[in-house]
C-alpha atoms as a PDB file:
ATOM      1  CA  MET A   1     -15.822  13.742   7.197  1.00  0.00           C
ATOM      2  CA  ALA A   2     -12.917  13.882   4.728  1.00  0.00           C
ATOM      3  CA  VAL A   3     -11.647  10.562   3.445  1.00  0.00           C
ATOM      4  CA  LYS A   4      -7.936  10.255   2.667  1.00  0.00           C
ATOM      5  CA  VAL A   5      -5.846   7.664   0.836  1.00  0.00           C
ATOM      6  CA  LEU A   6      -2.055   7.456   1.059  1.00  0.00           C
ATOM      7  CA  PRO A   7      -0.362   6.334  -2.182  1.00  0.00           C
ATOM      8  CA  VAL A   8       3.058   5.055  -1.054  1.00  0.00           C
ATOM      9  CA  ASN A   9       5.896   5.226  -3.578  1.00  0.00           C
ATOM     10  CA  GLY A  10       8.426   2.473  -2.870  1.00  0.00           C
ATOM     11  CA  SER A  11      10.697   3.312  -5.793  1.00  0.00           C
ATOM     12  CA  SER A  12      14.056   5.047  -5.393  1.00  0.00           C
ATOM     13  CA  ARG A  13      12.907   7.435  -8.156  1.00  0.00           C
ATOM     14  CA  LYS A  14      10.066   9.685  -7.023  1.00  0.00           C
ATOM     15  CA  GLU A  15       9.023  10.606 -10.565  1.00  0.00           C
ATOM     16  CA  GLY A  16       9.708   7.224 -12.156  1.00  0.00           C
ATOM     17  CA  CYS A  17       7.402   4.558 -13.569  1.00  0.00           C
ATOM     18  CA  THR A  18       5.950   3.585 -10.185  1.00  0.00           C
ATOM     19  CA  GLY A  19       5.093   7.211  -9.502  1.00  0.00           C
ATOM     20  CA  ALA A  20       3.381   7.418 -12.900  1.00  0.00           C
ATOM     21  CA  GLY A  21       1.162   4.459 -12.044  1.00  0.00           C
ATOM     22  CA  LEU A  22       0.320   5.844  -8.611  1.00  0.00           C
ATOM     23  CA  ARG A  23      -0.628   9.204 -10.103  1.00  0.00           C
ATOM     24  CA  GLU A  24      -3.212   7.490 -12.317  1.00  0.00           C
ATOM     25  CA  VAL A  25      -4.766   5.877  -9.235  1.00  0.00           C
ATOM     26  CA  ALA A  26      -4.702   9.186  -7.357  1.00  0.00           C
ATOM     27  CA  ARG A  27      -6.389  11.031 -10.231  1.00  0.00           C
ATOM     28  CA  ALA A  28      -9.256   8.548 -10.241  1.00  0.00           C
ATOM     29  CA  LEU A  29      -9.666   8.815  -6.449  1.00  0.00           C
ATOM     30  CA  GLN A  30      -9.688  12.606  -6.594  1.00  0.00           C
ATOM     31  CA  LYS A  31     -12.348  12.580  -9.325  1.00  0.00           C
ATOM     32  CA  GLU A  32     -14.500  10.580  -6.907  1.00  0.00           C
ATOM     33  CA  GLY A  33     -14.003  13.163  -4.171  1.00  0.00           C
ATOM     34  CA  ILE A  34     -11.359  11.211  -2.229  1.00  0.00           C
ATOM     35  CA  GLU A  35      -8.367  13.168  -0.915  1.00  0.00           C
ATOM     36  CA  THR A  36      -4.896  11.743  -1.560  1.00  0.00           C
ATOM     37  CA  GLU A  37      -1.509  12.476  -0.025  1.00  0.00           C
ATOM     38  CA  GLY A  38       1.485  10.899  -1.724  1.00  0.00           C
ATOM     39  CA  PHE A  39       4.172   9.385   0.502  1.00  0.00           C
ATOM     40  CA  PHE A  40       7.660   8.820  -0.940  1.00  0.00           C
ATOM     41  CA  ILE A  41       9.770   6.511   1.204  1.00  0.00           C
ATOM     42  CA  GLY A  42      12.953   8.057  -0.179  1.00  0.00           C
ATOM     43  CA  ASN A  43      16.115   6.560  -1.614  1.00  0.00           C
ATOM     44  CA  LYS A  44      18.262   6.280   1.479  1.00  0.00           C
ATOM     45  CA  PRO A  45      19.052   2.866   3.011  1.00  0.00           C
ATOM     46  CA  LEU A  46      16.489   1.721   5.584  1.00  0.00           C
ATOM     47  CA  PRO A  47      17.271  -0.621   8.481  1.00  0.00           C
ATOM     48  CA  ASP A  48      15.474  -3.944   8.298  1.00  0.00           C
ATOM     49  CA  CYS A  49      13.302  -5.185  11.167  1.00  0.00           C
ATOM     50  CA  THR A  50      15.477  -6.897  13.771  1.00  0.00           C
ATOM     51  CA  ALA A  51      12.514  -8.527  15.586  1.00  0.00           C
ATOM     52  CA  CYS A  52      13.724  -6.917  18.814  1.00  0.00           C
ATOM     53  CA  HIS A  53      10.085  -6.506  19.954  1.00  0.00           C
ATOM     54  CA  ARG A  54      10.859  -3.083  21.427  1.00  0.00           C
ATOM     55  CA  CYS A  55       7.937  -1.655  19.452  1.00  0.00           C
ATOM     56  CA  ARG A  56       5.658  -3.574  21.828  1.00  0.00           C
ATOM     57  CA  GLU A  57       7.044  -1.470  24.676  1.00  0.00           C
ATOM     58  CA  LEU A  58       7.521   1.834  22.841  1.00  0.00           C
ATOM     59  CA  GLY A  59       4.438   1.825  20.633  1.00  0.00           C
ATOM     60  CA  ARG A  60       6.674   2.660  17.642  1.00  0.00           C
ATOM     61  CA  CYS A  61       9.677   1.201  15.843  1.00  0.00           C
ATOM     62  CA  VAL A  62      12.979   1.498  17.713  1.00  0.00           C
ATOM     63  CA  PHE A  63      14.549   2.938  14.536  1.00  0.00           C
ATOM     64  CA  ASP A  64      13.106   6.451  14.583  1.00  0.00           C
ATOM     65  CA  ASP A  65      12.947   7.316  10.897  1.00  0.00           C
ATOM     66  CA  ILE A  66      10.479   7.632   8.017  1.00  0.00           C
ATOM     67  CA  VAL A  67       8.678   4.426   9.045  1.00  0.00           C
ATOM     68  CA  ASN A  68       7.418   5.993  12.275  1.00  0.00           C
ATOM     69  CA  GLU A  69       6.449   9.128  10.359  1.00  0.00           C
ATOM     70  CA  PHE A  70       4.385   7.000   7.997  1.00  0.00           C
ATOM     71  CA  VAL A  71       2.668   4.993  10.740  1.00  0.00           C
ATOM     72  CA  GLU A  72       1.490   8.225  12.364  1.00  0.00           C
ATOM     73  CA  LYS A  73      -0.064   9.261   9.039  1.00  0.00           C
ATOM     74  CA  ALA A  74      -1.498   5.770   8.585  1.00  0.00           C
ATOM     75  CA  LYS A  75      -3.400   6.018  11.865  1.00  0.00           C
ATOM     76  CA  VAL A  76      -5.630   8.762  10.458  1.00  0.00           C
ATOM     77  CA  ALA A  77      -5.696   7.582   6.819  1.00  0.00           C
ATOM     78  CA  ASP A  78      -8.628   5.639   5.388  1.00  0.00           C
ATOM     79  CA  GLY A  79      -6.899   3.674   2.637  1.00  0.00           C
ATOM     80  CA  PHE A  80      -3.552   2.908   1.016  1.00  0.00           C
ATOM     81  CA  VAL A  81      -1.902   2.131  -2.317  1.00  0.00           C
ATOM     82  CA  PHE A  82       1.580   0.617  -2.076  1.00  0.00           C
ATOM     83  CA  GLY A  83       3.586   1.018  -5.285  1.00  0.00           C
ATOM     84  CA  SER A  84       6.886  -0.595  -6.214  1.00  0.00           C
ATOM     85  CA  PRO A  85       9.098  -1.328  -9.203  1.00  0.00           C
ATOM     86  CA  VAL A  86       9.989  -4.944  -9.884  1.00  0.00           C
ATOM     87  CA  TYR A  87      13.526  -6.073  -9.035  1.00  0.00           C
ATOM     88  CA  PHE A  88      14.372  -9.702  -9.903  1.00  0.00           C
ATOM     89  CA  ALA A  89      10.664 -10.678  -9.859  1.00  0.00           C
ATOM     90  CA  HIS A  90      10.368  -9.095  -6.427  1.00  0.00           C
ATOM     91  CA  PRO A  91       9.315  -5.708  -5.015  1.00  0.00           C
ATOM     92  CA  SER A  92      11.893  -3.136  -3.985  1.00  0.00           C
ATOM     93  CA  GLY A  93      13.912  -4.378  -1.002  1.00  0.00           C
ATOM     94  CA  ARG A  94      13.661  -0.889   0.478  1.00  0.00           C
ATOM     95  CA  LEU A  95       9.862  -1.036   0.371  1.00  0.00           C
ATOM     96  CA  LEU A  96       9.773  -4.500   1.931  1.00  0.00           C
ATOM     97  CA  ALA A  97      12.015  -3.368   4.814  1.00  0.00           C
ATOM     98  CA  PHE A  98       9.717  -0.345   5.200  1.00  0.00           C
ATOM     99  CA  MET A  99       6.579  -2.505   5.195  1.00  0.00           C
ATOM    100  CA  ASP A 100       8.045  -5.145   7.528  1.00  0.00           C
ATOM    101  CA  ARG A 101       8.656  -2.501  10.158  1.00  0.00           C
ATOM    102  CA  ALA A 102       5.494  -0.466   9.567  1.00  0.00           C
ATOM    103  CA  PHE A 103       3.160  -3.463   9.704  1.00  0.00           C
ATOM    104  CA  TYR A 104       4.960  -5.093  12.632  1.00  0.00           C
ATOM    105  CA  SER A 105       5.193  -1.992  14.807  1.00  0.00           C
ATOM    106  CA  GLY A 106       1.912  -0.358  13.777  1.00  0.00           C
ATOM    107  CA  GLY A 107      -0.367  -3.077  12.436  1.00  0.00           C
ATOM    108  CA  GLY A 108      -3.399  -1.587  14.152  1.00  0.00           C
ATOM    109  CA  ALA A 109      -3.147   1.494  11.921  1.00  0.00           C
ATOM    110  CA  PHE A 110      -3.962  -0.620   8.846  1.00  0.00           C
ATOM    111  CA  ALA A 111      -6.728  -2.966  10.006  1.00  0.00           C
ATOM    112  CA  PHE A 112     -10.035  -2.834   8.066  1.00  0.00           C
ATOM    113  CA  LYS A 113      -8.761  -0.107   5.690  1.00  0.00           C
ATOM    114  CA  PRO A 114      -8.889  -0.717   1.914  1.00  0.00           C
ATOM    115  CA  VAL A 115      -5.543  -1.223   0.201  1.00  0.00           C
ATOM    116  CA  ALA A 116      -4.103  -1.985  -3.220  1.00  0.00           C
ATOM    117  CA  ALA A 117      -0.678  -3.016  -4.490  1.00  0.00           C
ATOM    118  CA  VAL A 118       0.648  -1.403  -7.682  1.00  0.00           C
ATOM    119  CA  LEU A 119       3.673  -2.628  -9.661  1.00  0.00           C
ATOM    120  CA  SER A 120       5.739  -1.195 -12.486  1.00  0.00           C
ATOM    121  CA  ALA A 121       8.033  -3.301 -14.636  1.00  0.00           C
ATOM    122  CA  ARG A 122       9.950  -3.172 -17.856  1.00  0.00           C
ATOM    123  CA  ARG A 123       8.745  -6.628 -18.788  1.00  0.00           C
ATOM    124  CA  ALA A 124       8.078  -9.381 -16.227  1.00  0.00           C
ATOM    125  CA  GLY A 125       7.973 -10.347 -12.563  1.00  0.00           C
ATOM    126  CA  THR A 126       4.859  -8.375 -11.678  1.00  0.00           C
ATOM    127  CA  THR A 127       2.549 -11.179 -10.547  1.00  0.00           C
ATOM    128  CA  ALA A 128       5.129 -12.643  -8.140  1.00  0.00           C
ATOM    129  CA  SER A 129       5.737  -9.151  -6.720  1.00  0.00           C
ATOM    130  CA  PHE A 130       1.977  -8.588  -6.458  1.00  0.00           C
ATOM    131  CA  ASP A 131       1.624 -11.736  -4.345  1.00  0.00           C
ATOM    132  CA  VAL A 132       4.380 -10.670  -1.913  1.00  0.00           C
ATOM    133  CA  ARG A 133       2.650  -7.387  -1.031  1.00  0.00           C
ATOM    134  CA  ASN A 134      -0.823  -8.865  -0.712  1.00  0.00           C
ATOM    135  CA  LYS A 135       0.354 -11.077   2.145  1.00  0.00           C
ATOM    136  CA  TYR A 136       0.926  -8.003   4.324  1.00  0.00           C
ATOM    137  CA  PHE A 137      -2.629  -6.879   3.685  1.00  0.00           C
ATOM    138  CA  THR A 138      -4.425 -10.147   4.282  1.00  0.00           C
ATOM    139  CA  ILE A 139      -2.905 -10.741   7.732  1.00  0.00           C
ATOM    140  CA  CYS A 140      -4.047  -7.258   8.822  1.00  0.00           C
ATOM    141  CA  SER A 141      -7.736  -7.703   7.913  1.00  0.00           C
ATOM    142  CA  MET A 142      -7.425  -5.159   5.095  1.00  0.00           C
ATOM    143  CA  PRO A 143      -9.985  -5.271   2.245  1.00  0.00           C
ATOM    144  CA  VAL A 144      -7.827  -5.743  -0.866  1.00  0.00           C
ATOM    145  CA  VAL A 145      -8.967  -3.604  -3.791  1.00  0.00           C
ATOM    146  CA  SER A 146      -9.050  -5.265  -7.180  1.00  0.00           C
ATOM    147  CA  SER A 147      -9.241  -3.848 -10.690  1.00  0.00           C
ATOM    148  CA  THR A 148     -10.015  -5.170 -14.167  1.00  0.00           C
ATOM    149  CA  TYR A 149      -6.594  -6.756 -14.683  1.00  0.00           C
ATOM    150  CA  TRP A 150      -3.476  -7.343 -12.576  1.00  0.00           C
ATOM    151  CA  ASN A 151      -2.389  -4.123 -10.884  1.00  0.00           C
ATOM    152  CA  HIS A 152       0.651  -3.273 -12.963  1.00  0.00           C
ATOM    153  CA  VAL A 153       1.967  -0.899 -15.607  1.00  0.00           C
ATOM    154  CA  TYR A 154       4.765  -1.458 -18.089  1.00  0.00           C
ATOM    155  CA  GLY A 155       7.549   0.833 -19.193  1.00  0.00           C
ATOM    156  CA  ALA A 156      11.255   1.508 -18.780  1.00  0.00           C
ATOM    157  CA  GLN A 157      10.580   5.260 -18.543  1.00  0.00           C
ATOM    158  CA  PRO A 158       7.583   7.209 -17.138  1.00  0.00           C
ATOM    159  CA  GLU A 159       6.567   8.388 -20.616  1.00  0.00           C
ATOM    160  CA  GLU A 160       6.354   4.746 -21.702  1.00  0.00           C
ATOM    161  CA  VAL A 161       3.914   4.030 -18.878  1.00  0.00           C
ATOM    162  CA  ALA A 162       1.542   6.551 -20.478  1.00  0.00           C
ATOM    163  CA  GLU A 163       1.642   4.390 -23.635  1.00  0.00           C
ATOM    164  CA  ASP A 164       0.482   1.335 -21.674  1.00  0.00           C
ATOM    165  CA  LYS A 165      -3.209   2.051 -22.192  1.00  0.00           C
ATOM    166  CA  GLU A 166      -4.442  -1.129 -20.507  1.00  0.00           C
ATOM    167  CA  GLY A 167      -2.178  -0.519 -17.529  1.00  0.00           C
ATOM    168  CA  CYS A 168      -3.347   3.077 -17.142  1.00  0.00           C
ATOM    169  CA  VAL A 169      -7.006   2.011 -17.301  1.00  0.00           C
ATOM    170  CA  THR A 170      -6.236  -0.666 -14.703  1.00  0.00           C
ATOM    171  CA  MET A 171      -4.810   2.043 -12.416  1.00  0.00           C
ATOM    172  CA  THR A 172      -7.875   4.233 -12.986  1.00  0.00           C
ATOM    173  CA  ASN A 173     -10.183   1.357 -12.116  1.00  0.00           C
ATOM    174  CA  ILE A 174      -8.251   0.686  -8.907  1.00  0.00           C
ATOM    175  CA  GLY A 175      -9.017   4.274  -7.911  1.00  0.00           C
ATOM    176  CA  LYS A 176     -12.692   3.937  -8.840  1.00  0.00           C
ATOM    177  CA  ASN A 177     -13.080   0.641  -6.992  1.00  0.00           C
ATOM    178  CA  MET A 178     -11.317   1.955  -3.905  1.00  0.00           C
ATOM    179  CA  ALA A 179     -13.456   5.107  -3.877  1.00  0.00           C
ATOM    180  CA  TRP A 180     -16.605   2.987  -4.110  1.00  0.00           C
ATOM    181  CA  LEU A 181     -15.465   0.741  -1.246  1.00  0.00           C
ATOM    182  CA  LEU A 182     -14.470   3.697   0.934  1.00  0.00           C
ATOM    183  CA  LYS A 183     -17.893   5.270   0.417  1.00  0.00           C
ATOM    184  CA  CYS A 184     -19.591   1.988   1.314  1.00  0.00           C
ATOM    185  CA  LEU A 185     -17.535   1.769   4.507  1.00  0.00           C
ATOM    186  CA  GLU A 186     -18.421   5.354   5.420  1.00  0.00           C
ATOM    187  CA  LEU A 187     -22.119   4.581   4.954  1.00  0.00           C
ATOM    188  CA  GLY A 188     -21.710   1.554   7.187  1.00  0.00           C
ATOM    189  CA  LYS A 189     -20.146   3.657   9.935  1.00  0.00           C
ATOM    190  CA  MET A 190     -22.905   6.259   9.640  1.00  0.00           C
ATOM    191  CA  ASN A 191     -25.486   3.504  10.114  1.00  0.00           C
ATOM    192  CA  GLY A 192     -23.804   1.996  13.163  1.00  0.00           C
ATOM    193  CA  LEU A 193     -22.162  -0.990  11.476  1.00  0.00           C
ATOM    194  CA  PRO A 194     -18.864  -1.739  13.275  1.00  0.00           C
ATOM    195  CA  HIS A 195     -15.999  -3.749  11.812  1.00  0.00           C
ATOM    196  CA  PRO A 196     -15.594  -7.362  13.011  1.00  0.00           C
ATOM    197  CA  ASP A 197     -13.979  -8.027  16.383  1.00  0.00           C
ATOM    198  CA  ASN A 198     -11.470 -10.574  15.142  1.00  0.00           C
ATOM    199  CA  GLU A 199      -9.529 -12.931  17.365  1.00  0.00           C
ATOM    200  CA  LYS A 200      -5.938 -13.974  16.787  1.00  0.00           C
ATOM    201  CA  VAL A 201      -4.383 -17.166  18.141  1.00  0.00           C
ATOM    202  CA  PRO A 202      -0.713 -17.834  17.318  1.00  0.00           C
ATOM    203  CA  THR A 203       0.465 -21.369  16.596  1.00  0.00           C
ATOM    204  CA  ASN A 204       4.117 -22.375  16.826  1.00  0.00           C
ATOM    205  CA  PHE A 205       5.062 -25.485  14.877  1.00  0.00           C
ATOM    206  CA  ILE A 206       7.625 -27.574  16.746  1.00  0.00           C
ATOM    207  CA  ARG A 207       8.906 -31.144  16.434  1.00  0.00           C
END
């Protein structure tokens, strides 16, 4: 069975610094025999989630755009890498709107699938942006893939990212670690080991 990872580019520039970091991860995955399919969310404005709850009735987001296209791909994918530039110590607003809607309307497509967050920055704000994305993953029971340093690369231009040797090695090690985890999960499936049957109980805090 083929195993596929979707590297998601949340930058407005497809071939920018974020794309350079994601390509390093993809190269490492491919060397380990893992198929990758890049997904660029584009640079057009995306509607934010309006919490209308229509996705519960429709099985998809009420705004029929690239988010629904991605969720359909996510259903058959085995892992994900979400990349973003840093804006004001925060990920791209476009990517967050995209993830809000994708995870709210299609959360089941992500459960128990390995995932990593990748950041690119000129200088700072990466660790705060890293934390924001990881919260999506942890509430969806996704195994979060680590590396050998924080998952970021530095550079104002893509060619500068290539000069960030530690960052590029960090990206490579994300790919290696994710490939290893994916292979472990496949072996578990082959040997009849199912994922946990988790329960979820909502709590509303009121005065």
